[in-house]
Protein backbone atom coordinates (compact mmCIF):
# COMPACT_ATOMS: atom_id res chain seq x y z
CA MET A 1 0.09 0.13 -0.10
CA THR A 2 1.10 3.48 -0.94
CA GLY A 3 0.71 6.47 1.04
CA PHE A 4 0.16 7.20 4.88
CA GLN A 5 -0.39 4.86 7.47
CA LEU A 6 -1.64 4.54 11.28
CA VAL A 7 -0.86 2.09 13.49
CA ASP A 8 -1.84 1.83 17.02
CA VAL A 9 0.73 -0.33 18.43
CA GLY A 10 -1.18 -1.61 21.69
CA SER A 11 -1.60 1.58 23.20
CA SER A 12 -3.01 1.60 26.74
CA ASN A 13 -5.90 4.16 25.94
CA GLY A 14 -6.02 4.03 22.16
CA THR A 15 -5.75 5.30 19.06
CA PHE A 16 -9.02 6.67 17.30
CA LEU A 17 -9.32 7.59 13.35
CA ASN A 18 -12.43 9.45 12.66
CA GLY A 19 -14.06 8.62 16.10
CA GLU A 20 -13.17 4.97 15.45
CA ARG A 21 -10.80 3.08 17.65
CA LEU A 22 -8.02 1.50 15.77
CA SER A 23 -7.25 -2.48 16.54
CA ALA A 24 -3.48 -2.79 17.62
CA ASN A 25 -0.85 -3.48 14.62
CA GLN A 26 -3.60 -3.06 12.11
CA PRO A 27 -2.17 -0.58 9.84
CA ALA A 28 -5.16 2.11 8.80
CA PRO A 29 -5.14 4.50 5.73
CA LEU A 30 -4.85 8.04 6.12
CA ARG A 31 -6.77 10.32 3.56
CA SER A 32 -7.26 14.08 3.94
CA ASN A 33 -9.27 15.23 6.39
CA ASN A 34 -8.85 12.13 8.26
CA VAL A 35 -9.26 12.94 12.43
CA ILE A 36 -6.54 11.19 14.91
CA LYS A 37 -7.16 11.41 18.44
CA ILE A 38 -4.84 9.95 20.83
CA GLY A 39 -5.34 10.80 24.68
CA ALA A 40 -6.49 14.31 24.80
CA GLN A 41 -5.13 15.52 21.83
CA GLU A 42 -6.78 15.62 18.66
CA TRP A 43 -5.18 16.52 15.29
CA THR A 44 -6.62 16.68 11.15
CA PHE A 45 -4.50 15.00 8.47
CA GLU A 46 -4.51 16.86 5.67
């Protein structure tokens, strides 16, 4: 797969992409305007 991916490597609080918790060690493709949340921090991927 080409492009950018987001992977949760087993964090205790989870990694969220567009409000959905990612499964550990399962890459998720990132697309423009995706919202990433880790802990209390939130970012928009551009």
